[in-house]
Protein backbone atom coordinates (compact mmCIF):
# COMPACT_ATOMS: atom_id res chain seq x y z
CA MET A 1 -177.08 -27.39 -307.24
CA LYS A 2 -176.28 -25.83 -303.90
CA LYS A 3 -172.96 -26.47 -302.26
CA ILE A 4 -171.83 -26.69 -298.67
CA LEU A 5 -170.35 -23.34 -297.71
CA GLN A 6 -167.62 -23.32 -295.10
CA PHE A 7 -165.55 -20.54 -293.56
CA LEU A 8 -166.43 -17.61 -295.83
CA PHE A 9 -166.61 -14.13 -294.30
CA ILE A 10 -169.60 -11.88 -294.66
CA PHE A 11 -170.32 -8.79 -292.64
CA LEU A 12 -173.56 -7.80 -291.02
CA PHE A 13 -174.17 -4.30 -289.74
CA PHE A 14 -176.73 -3.40 -287.12
CA GLY A 15 -177.06 0.37 -286.71
CA ASN A 16 -173.51 1.69 -286.61
CA ILE A 17 -172.03 -1.49 -285.14
CA GLY A 18 -170.45 -4.07 -287.43
CA PHE A 19 -169.34 -7.57 -286.62
CA ALA A 20 -167.99 -10.49 -288.60
CA GLN A 21 -170.21 -13.50 -289.23
CA THR A 22 -168.63 -16.62 -290.68
CA PRO A 23 -170.72 -19.35 -292.35
CA ILE A 24 -169.57 -22.67 -290.90
CA ILE A 25 -171.82 -25.13 -292.71
CA GLN A 26 -174.97 -25.18 -294.86
CA GLU A 27 -177.08 -28.27 -295.46
CA SER A 28 -179.94 -28.06 -297.96
CA PHE A 29 -180.17 -31.79 -298.82
CA GLU A 30 -179.07 -31.39 -302.45
CA GLY A 31 -176.32 -33.99 -302.25
CA GLY A 32 -175.61 -37.11 -300.23
CA ALA A 33 -175.95 -37.30 -296.47
CA THR A 34 -172.30 -36.45 -295.82
CA ASN A 35 -172.95 -33.70 -293.29
CA TYR A 36 -175.71 -35.19 -291.20
CA ASP A 37 -177.13 -38.35 -289.67
CA ALA A 38 -180.86 -39.13 -289.64
CA ASN A 39 -183.21 -42.02 -288.85
CA THR A 40 -184.68 -41.97 -292.36
CA PHE A 41 -187.51 -44.31 -293.37
CA THR A 42 -190.43 -44.43 -295.80
CA ASP A 43 -193.68 -46.37 -295.86
CA GLY A 44 -195.01 -44.96 -299.08
CA ALA A 45 -196.79 -41.64 -299.37
CA SER A 46 -198.26 -41.42 -295.87
CA ASP A 47 -195.45 -42.31 -293.46
CA TYR A 48 -191.89 -41.16 -294.05
CA PHE A 49 -188.90 -39.21 -292.82
CA THR A 50 -186.57 -38.71 -295.75
CA VAL A 51 -185.21 -36.44 -298.47
CA PHE A 52 -187.29 -36.04 -301.60
CA ASN A 53 -187.55 -33.86 -304.69
CA SER A 54 -189.94 -31.01 -303.99
CA PHE A 55 -191.12 -31.08 -307.61
CA SER A 56 -192.27 -34.70 -307.26
CA THR A 57 -194.48 -34.65 -304.19
CA PRO A 58 -195.80 -37.96 -302.84
CA THR A 59 -199.22 -39.14 -303.84
CA GLY A 60 -201.93 -37.86 -301.56
CA TRP A 61 -200.35 -34.54 -300.66
CA PRO A 62 -203.02 -31.80 -300.63
CA ARG A 63 -200.59 -29.08 -301.72
CA ALA A 64 -196.91 -28.74 -302.59
CA PHE A 65 -194.31 -26.77 -300.63
CA SER A 66 -192.99 -23.49 -301.99
CA ASN A 67 -189.84 -21.41 -301.44
CA VAL A 68 -187.75 -24.58 -301.43
CA ASP A 69 -184.03 -23.82 -301.62
CA GLY A 70 -183.15 -25.74 -304.77
CA SER A 71 -184.81 -29.02 -305.68
CA TYR A 72 -184.58 -31.17 -302.58
CA MET A 73 -185.88 -30.91 -299.04
CA PHE A 74 -186.41 -33.13 -296.02
CA GLY A 75 -190.01 -34.22 -295.49
CA ALA A 76 -191.75 -35.77 -292.50
CA GLU A 77 -195.16 -37.28 -291.83
CA ASP A 78 -196.44 -39.75 -289.22
CA MET A 79 -193.31 -40.56 -287.25
CA ASP A 80 -195.23 -43.16 -285.22
CA ASP A 81 -194.70 -45.86 -287.83
CA VAL A 82 -193.31 -49.31 -287.15
CA ASP A 83 -190.81 -48.69 -289.95
CA ASN A 84 -189.19 -45.88 -287.94
CA PRO A 85 -185.76 -47.41 -287.21
CA LEU A 86 -185.78 -45.89 -283.71
CA ASN A 87 -189.07 -47.63 -282.82
CA PRO A 88 -190.40 -47.27 -280.11
CA ASP A 89 -188.91 -43.76 -280.21
CA PHE A 90 -191.34 -42.36 -282.78
CA ASN A 91 -189.48 -39.13 -283.49
CA GLY A 92 -187.48 -38.00 -286.47
CA TYR A 93 -183.95 -36.66 -285.94
CA ILE A 94 -181.60 -34.77 -288.25
CA VAL A 95 -178.20 -34.30 -286.60
CA ILE A 96 -175.73 -31.99 -288.33
CA SER A 97 -172.18 -33.28 -287.92
CA SER A 98 -169.98 -31.75 -285.22
CA GLN A 99 -168.46 -28.38 -286.22
CA ASN A 100 -165.54 -26.52 -284.65
CA ILE A 101 -166.58 -23.21 -283.05
CA SER A 102 -163.56 -22.53 -280.82
CA SER A 103 -162.83 -19.18 -282.48
CA TYR A 104 -166.33 -17.74 -282.05
CA SER A 105 -168.15 -16.07 -279.19
CA GLN A 106 -171.63 -16.84 -280.55
CA VAL A 107 -173.33 -19.23 -282.94
CA GLN A 108 -176.26 -18.43 -285.21
CA VAL A 109 -178.48 -21.28 -286.40
CA THR A 110 -180.99 -20.70 -289.21
CA VAL A 111 -183.41 -23.34 -290.51
CA ALA A 112 -186.17 -23.11 -293.12
CA LEU A 113 -189.42 -24.81 -292.03
CA ALA A 114 -192.83 -25.38 -293.58
CA ALA A 115 -195.98 -27.42 -293.01
CA VAL A 116 -198.87 -28.54 -295.21
CA TYR A 117 -202.10 -29.41 -293.42
CA ASP A 118 -204.65 -31.84 -294.86
CA GLY A 119 -207.76 -29.93 -295.87
CA GLY A 120 -206.15 -26.62 -295.00
CA ASN A 121 -205.47 -25.42 -291.47
CA ASP A 122 -208.33 -27.36 -289.97
CA GLU A 123 -206.56 -29.84 -287.71
CA SER A 124 -206.65 -29.28 -283.94
CA PHE A 125 -203.16 -28.67 -282.63
CA GLU A 126 -203.43 -28.32 -278.88
CA GLU A 127 -200.37 -27.45 -276.86
CA THR A 128 -200.68 -30.90 -275.25
CA ASP A 129 -200.43 -32.68 -278.61
CA PRO A 130 -197.14 -34.51 -279.21
CA ASP A 131 -196.77 -32.92 -282.63
CA GLY A 132 -193.98 -30.39 -282.80
CA ILE A 133 -190.65 -29.36 -284.31
CA PHE A 134 -187.62 -28.64 -282.13
CA VAL A 135 -184.37 -26.85 -283.00
CA GLN A 136 -181.62 -27.96 -280.62
CA TYR A 137 -177.87 -27.72 -280.06
CA ALA A 138 -175.23 -29.48 -278.00
CA PHE A 139 -171.62 -28.67 -277.17
CA ASP A 140 -168.62 -30.99 -276.91
CA ALA A 141 -169.27 -34.04 -274.70
CA ASN A 142 -173.06 -33.58 -275.00
CA ILE A 143 -173.06 -34.19 -278.78
CA ALA A 144 -174.80 -37.33 -280.07
CA THR A 145 -172.73 -40.34 -281.04
CA VAL A 146 -171.99 -40.41 -284.79
CA GLY A 147 -174.25 -42.66 -286.86
CA ASP A 148 -177.89 -42.85 -287.96
CA ALA A 149 -178.69 -45.28 -285.16
CA PHE A 150 -177.55 -42.82 -282.47
CA VAL A 151 -179.28 -39.60 -283.49
CA ASN A 152 -181.39 -39.63 -280.33
CA THR A 153 -178.37 -39.82 -278.01
CA GLY A 154 -176.51 -36.92 -276.41
CA THR A 155 -177.86 -34.05 -274.34
CA TYR A 156 -179.26 -31.20 -276.41
CA THR A 157 -180.66 -27.79 -275.50
CA THR A 158 -183.80 -26.54 -277.26
CA VAL A 159 -183.54 -22.98 -278.60
CA GLY A 160 -186.58 -23.01 -280.87
CA GLN A 161 -189.76 -25.04 -281.08
CA PHE A 162 -193.07 -25.10 -282.96
CA LYS A 163 -196.24 -26.29 -281.27
CA GLY A 164 -199.99 -26.09 -281.58
CA ASN A 165 -202.35 -23.77 -279.72
CA LEU A 166 -206.05 -24.55 -279.69
CA GLY A 167 -206.77 -20.93 -278.79
CA ILE A 168 -205.41 -19.61 -282.10
CA ASN A 169 -207.33 -19.64 -285.38
CA PRO A 170 -206.40 -21.04 -287.83
CA SER A 171 -205.07 -24.13 -286.12
CA GLY A 172 -201.59 -25.30 -287.03
CA LEU A 173 -198.00 -25.29 -285.86
CA TYR A 174 -196.78 -21.93 -284.54
CA GLU A 175 -193.39 -20.85 -283.29
CA ASP A 176 -193.33 -21.12 -279.49
CA THR A 177 -191.49 -17.87 -278.78
CA ASN A 178 -191.10 -18.40 -275.04
CA LEU A 179 -190.70 -22.19 -275.09
CA ASP A 180 -193.67 -22.77 -272.81
CA GLY A 181 -195.17 -25.54 -274.96
CA LYS A 182 -197.80 -23.34 -276.61
CA GLY A 183 -197.38 -21.93 -280.11
CA ASP A 184 -197.81 -18.16 -280.07
CA GLY A 185 -195.66 -16.81 -282.91
CA THR A 186 -195.38 -17.31 -286.67
CA LEU A 187 -197.59 -19.98 -288.27
CA LEU A 188 -195.85 -22.59 -290.43
CA THR A 189 -197.35 -22.71 -293.92
CA GLU A 190 -196.49 -24.50 -297.16
CA ALA A 191 -194.10 -21.63 -297.99
CA PHE A 192 -190.73 -22.22 -296.34
CA GLN A 193 -189.74 -19.52 -293.82
CA ASP A 194 -186.39 -18.93 -292.13
CA PHE A 195 -186.14 -19.05 -288.34
CA THR A 196 -182.91 -17.90 -286.71
CA TYR A 197 -181.53 -18.49 -283.21
CA THR A 198 -178.35 -16.97 -281.74
CA PHE A 199 -176.61 -18.02 -278.52
CA ASN A 200 -173.20 -17.85 -276.81
CA THR A 201 -170.61 -20.58 -277.29
CA ASN A 202 -169.47 -20.29 -273.66
CA GLY A 203 -165.98 -21.37 -274.62
CA ALA A 204 -167.08 -24.62 -276.28
CA THR A 205 -164.91 -26.27 -278.94
CA ASN A 206 -167.52 -28.10 -281.03
CA ILE A 207 -171.24 -27.83 -281.73
CA SER A 208 -173.89 -30.11 -283.17
CA VAL A 209 -177.31 -28.88 -284.30
CA ARG A 210 -180.28 -31.24 -284.25
CA ILE A 211 -183.79 -30.89 -285.70
CA VAL A 212 -186.36 -33.13 -284.01
CA VAL A 213 -189.83 -33.83 -285.43
CA GLU A 214 -192.58 -35.25 -283.23
CA ASN A 215 -195.48 -36.05 -285.55
CA ASP A 216 -198.36 -38.47 -285.26
CA LEU A 217 -201.01 -36.62 -287.30
CA SER A 218 -201.30 -36.28 -291.06
CA GLU A 219 -199.68 -32.90 -291.62
CA GLU A 220 -196.62 -32.85 -293.87
CA ILE A 221 -193.60 -31.09 -292.38
CA GLY A 222 -190.76 -29.68 -294.47
CA ILE A 223 -187.19 -28.96 -293.35
CA ASP A 224 -184.63 -27.26 -295.57
CA ASN A 225 -181.50 -25.13 -295.77
CA ILE A 226 -179.98 -25.54 -292.30
CA ARG A 227 -177.20 -22.99 -291.76
CA ILE A 228 -174.73 -22.62 -288.91
CA SER A 229 -172.59 -19.48 -288.62
CA GLY A 230 -170.04 -18.27 -286.10
CA ILE A 231 -170.11 -14.69 -284.83
CA GLY A 232 -167.09 -12.82 -283.56
CA ALA A 233 -164.27 -14.20 -281.51
CA ALA A 234 -164.56 -14.79 -277.80
CA THR A 235 -162.43 -12.35 -275.80
CA ALA A 236 -161.47 -11.87 -272.19
CA PRO A 237 -164.15 -10.18 -270.04
CA THR A 238 -164.47 -6.46 -269.38
CA VAL A 239 -164.45 -5.37 -265.73
CA THR A 240 -164.28 -2.07 -263.85
CA THR A 241 -163.15 -1.42 -260.28
CA THR A 242 -165.32 0.46 -257.80
CA ALA A 243 -163.97 2.73 -255.07
CA ALA A 244 -163.15 1.22 -251.69
CA SER A 245 -165.77 1.93 -249.03
CA SER A 246 -166.56 1.26 -245.37
CA ILE A 247 -162.88 1.49 -244.45
CA THR A 248 -162.04 0.68 -240.83
CA MET A 249 -158.83 -0.26 -239.04
CA THR A 250 -159.02 -3.89 -240.24
CA THR A 251 -161.84 -4.14 -242.82
CA VAL A 252 -162.92 -2.64 -246.13
CA THR A 253 -165.54 -3.23 -248.84
CA LEU A 254 -164.14 -3.74 -252.35
CA GLY A 255 -165.90 -4.61 -255.60
CA GLY A 256 -166.34 -4.08 -259.30
CA ASN A 257 -168.62 -4.50 -262.28
CA VAL A 258 -168.23 -7.17 -264.99
CA THR A 259 -169.73 -5.25 -267.90
CA SER A 260 -169.17 -7.93 -270.58
CA ASP A 261 -168.44 -11.66 -270.53
CA GLY A 262 -166.57 -11.41 -273.86
CA GLY A 263 -168.80 -14.05 -275.41
CA ALA A 264 -167.72 -16.81 -273.02
CA ALA A 265 -169.12 -17.69 -269.62
CA ILE A 266 -167.53 -16.04 -266.58
CA SER A 267 -165.84 -18.72 -264.50
CA GLU A 268 -164.74 -16.42 -261.67
CA ARG A 269 -164.73 -12.79 -260.62
CA GLY A 270 -163.52 -10.95 -257.54
CA VAL A 271 -160.83 -8.64 -256.17
CA VAL A 272 -157.10 -8.86 -255.53
CA TYR A 273 -155.13 -6.73 -253.08
CA SER A 274 -151.57 -6.26 -251.89
CA THR A 275 -149.52 -4.03 -249.57
CA THR A 276 -146.49 -4.03 -251.89
CA ASP A 277 -147.69 -4.30 -255.51
CA ALA A 278 -149.32 -1.12 -256.83
CA THR A 279 -150.92 -3.11 -259.69
CA PRO A 280 -151.85 -6.39 -258.02
CA THR A 281 -152.68 -9.47 -260.11
CA ILE A 282 -153.43 -13.09 -259.33
CA ALA A 283 -150.27 -14.31 -261.05
CA GLU A 284 -148.04 -12.04 -258.97
CA GLY A 285 -149.18 -13.45 -255.66
CA ALA A 286 -151.66 -10.82 -254.52
CA THR A 287 -154.36 -11.92 -252.09
CA LYS A 288 -157.48 -13.00 -254.02
CA ASP A 289 -161.08 -12.89 -252.88
CA ALA A 290 -163.52 -14.49 -255.35
CA ASN A 291 -167.13 -13.35 -255.65
CA GLY A 292 -169.40 -15.25 -258.06
CA SER A 293 -169.24 -16.14 -261.74
CA VAL A 294 -171.68 -13.86 -263.58
CA THR A 295 -171.69 -10.42 -265.15
CA GLY A 296 -172.87 -7.37 -263.22
CA THR A 297 -171.86 -5.49 -260.10
CA PHE A 298 -170.43 -7.18 -257.04
CA SER A 299 -168.89 -6.25 -253.69
CA GLU A 300 -166.96 -8.13 -251.05
CA SER A 301 -166.20 -7.37 -247.40
CA ILE A 302 -162.49 -7.91 -246.78
CA GLY A 303 -161.24 -8.52 -243.23
CA SER A 304 -158.07 -9.27 -241.25
CA LEU A 305 -156.25 -6.22 -242.62
CA SER A 306 -153.36 -4.47 -240.89
CA ILE A 307 -154.00 -1.22 -239.03
CA ASN A 308 -152.86 2.04 -240.62
CA THR A 309 -151.64 0.31 -243.78
CA THR A 310 -151.86 1.24 -247.45
CA TYR A 311 -153.38 -1.45 -249.67
CA TYR A 312 -153.45 -1.60 -253.46
CA TYR A 313 -156.44 -3.36 -255.01
CA ASN A 314 -158.11 -4.23 -258.29
CA SER A 315 -161.11 -6.18 -259.57
CA TYR A 316 -160.78 -9.14 -261.96
CA ALA A 317 -162.92 -11.45 -264.09
CA ILE A 318 -162.00 -14.74 -265.79
CA ASN A 319 -163.46 -16.62 -268.76
CA SER A 320 -162.07 -19.22 -271.15
CA GLU A 321 -160.16 -16.52 -273.07
CA GLY A 322 -158.25 -15.09 -270.13
CA THR A 323 -158.24 -12.86 -267.07
CA SER A 324 -159.08 -9.16 -267.18
CA TYR A 325 -158.54 -6.46 -264.57
CA GLY A 326 -160.07 -3.08 -263.89
CA THR A 327 -158.06 0.01 -262.90
CA ALA A 328 -155.89 -0.44 -259.81
CA SER A 329 -156.45 1.89 -256.87
CA SER A 330 -155.50 2.13 -253.20
CA PHE A 331 -156.87 2.83 -249.73
CA LYS A 332 -155.40 3.09 -246.23
CA THR A 333 -156.85 1.42 -243.19
CA LEU A 334 -157.60 3.67 -240.25
CA PRO A 335 -155.00 4.23 -237.51
CA LEU A 336 -155.43 2.95 -233.96
CA ALA A 337 -156.06 5.98 -231.75
CA ALA A 338 -153.91 6.58 -228.69
CA THR A 339 -155.42 6.09 -225.23
CA ILE A 340 -155.17 9.10 -222.90
CA THR A 341 -156.64 10.17 -219.58
CA THR A 342 -157.17 13.73 -218.39
CA GLN A 343 -155.81 14.62 -214.93
CA ALA A 344 -156.83 17.46 -212.63
CA VAL A 345 -155.66 20.94 -213.59
CA SER A 346 -153.01 22.44 -211.27
CA ASN A 347 -151.25 25.75 -210.63
CA ILE A 348 -154.38 27.80 -211.33
CA THR A 349 -153.99 31.62 -211.38
CA LYS A 350 -156.19 34.43 -212.74
CA THR A 351 -154.97 33.89 -216.31
CA THR A 352 -152.92 30.66 -216.36
CA ALA A 353 -153.06 27.01 -215.31
CA THR A 354 -151.23 23.74 -215.83
CA GLY A 355 -153.01 21.00 -217.77
CA ASN A 356 -152.13 17.39 -216.91
CA GLY A 357 -152.64 14.18 -218.86
CA ASN A 358 -151.43 10.59 -219.07
CA ILE A 359 -150.87 8.62 -222.31
CA THR A 360 -151.51 4.96 -221.49
CA ASP A 361 -151.31 3.59 -225.08
CA LEU A 362 -149.58 5.22 -228.06
CA GLY A 363 -151.88 3.55 -230.62
CA ASP A 364 -150.64 2.99 -234.18
CA PRO A 365 -148.83 4.99 -235.39
CA ASN A 366 -147.30 7.03 -232.58
CA PRO A 367 -149.10 10.35 -231.96
CA THR A 368 -147.76 13.25 -234.02
CA GLN A 369 -149.10 15.80 -231.52
CA HIS A 370 -150.28 15.91 -227.91
CA GLY A 371 -151.43 18.51 -225.40
CA VAL A 372 -154.62 19.78 -223.76
CA CYS A 373 -157.68 21.65 -225.07
CA TRP A 374 -160.22 23.82 -223.29
CA ASN A 375 -163.34 25.95 -223.66
CA THR A 376 -166.02 27.59 -221.57
CA GLY A 377 -168.96 25.61 -222.95
CA GLY A 378 -168.02 22.03 -222.08
CA THR A 379 -166.62 18.95 -223.86
CA PRO A 380 -163.67 20.69 -225.51
CA THR A 381 -162.04 19.37 -228.71
CA THR A 382 -158.99 20.27 -230.79
CA GLY A 383 -161.24 22.72 -232.58
CA ASP A 384 -161.20 24.85 -229.44
CA ASN A 385 -158.22 26.42 -227.70
CA LYS A 386 -155.37 23.93 -227.38
CA THR A 387 -151.70 23.46 -226.63
CA GLU A 388 -149.34 21.57 -228.91
CA GLU A 389 -146.48 19.73 -227.28
CA GLY A 390 -145.38 17.85 -230.40
CA ALA A 391 -144.92 14.20 -231.24
CA VAL A 392 -144.58 11.58 -228.55
CA SER A 393 -142.95 8.16 -228.62
CA ALA A 394 -143.48 6.90 -225.09
CA THR A 395 -146.39 6.48 -222.74
CA GLY A 396 -146.63 8.35 -219.45
CA ALA A 397 -147.77 11.57 -217.79
CA PHE A 398 -147.26 15.00 -219.30
CA THR A 399 -148.02 18.63 -218.46
CA SER A 400 -148.92 21.59 -220.66
CA ASN A 401 -149.17 25.30 -219.83
CA ILE A 402 -152.54 26.95 -220.35
CA THR A 403 -152.39 30.74 -220.82
CA SER A 404 -154.52 33.77 -221.76
CA LEU A 405 -157.40 32.81 -219.49
CA SER A 406 -160.02 35.27 -218.26
CA PRO A 407 -160.25 35.93 -214.52
CA ASN A 408 -163.15 34.47 -212.55
CA THR A 409 -164.23 32.20 -215.44
CA ILE A 410 -165.10 28.50 -215.44
CA TYR A 411 -163.13 26.49 -218.02
CA TYR A 412 -163.57 22.91 -219.15
CA VAL A 413 -160.38 20.96 -219.96
């Protein structure tokens, strides 16, 4: 007789990467219904939703199931029976009891399914037919109320389903691999087959798995060996910081890349920055600018910065397991240029002259150098000939001596 397995470690290895998988619960219907609720009923051999011994098949079955895990399995046929305790909800529900998953980043659900078709695979299963099998899960507050009478309550998400497809021969129930209502994958036969679905826990505390059977034709459906396992432990996200760009006197573009959610949904991501803390964090009072709640690259335009100021910045991402940061870096906003006017040149000789200017605004910071520049081609810059009169801390007019000029030559100042 099989037993319920809980919290035993096994290890799976894919390629060179290994991760821990922990069986949480296994239900193969060998004992009493201590780990699940179900709206069981039976109306003899033709209408039922109940556990039975696979070696004693009901009268009228065309063929027996094979690959049963042990002796017992859950069978279903013709849910639209007045004896269905959920009438007029003519579905069958098996709800595995709530299980704690708070220490896992993912959950893996495996269920063995089979189907026997009267007269072989000759029934017409169109995608519009109500017949189907659905593998579902719910977290926390969305879990169904405990009790056989409440198995159809709660809000569950479908991760696997099996439907018909009139365009496939032979007809029957096929796995609907893209959940579009049309079976396109593996055909269910009388030999039980495992189907496995893996999904993130998103920081949830508890999970419930539910198998739903919609069945109003005469095929016999088998359900067996439901297993729920936890994978890994959720961790804080992984995030990198990108270099600052588009730096002006008062604005900058900052961003990062959330490369992993750590197995739990990202609740917030963004950047933090400070003028005093070289490793800024949210907890230490740095300015925060949020930008979305998903993985991937992001950028944010930051404004209202101080002119000519060094800022330290970092990217961050938050999930249920904590807050992660990238590598802190820094940038400096651009200075405010001084305002200056050029006055007419005076005291012109064959080889010398006096340049004149007027500083009307020092800018920020104060100029570290001032003077005049000249050339013979026009529009001179500091890359041409120039004078250097040193730093200046006050506005006003100034003069600067121009020397080493060529006689009878036009100069631009």
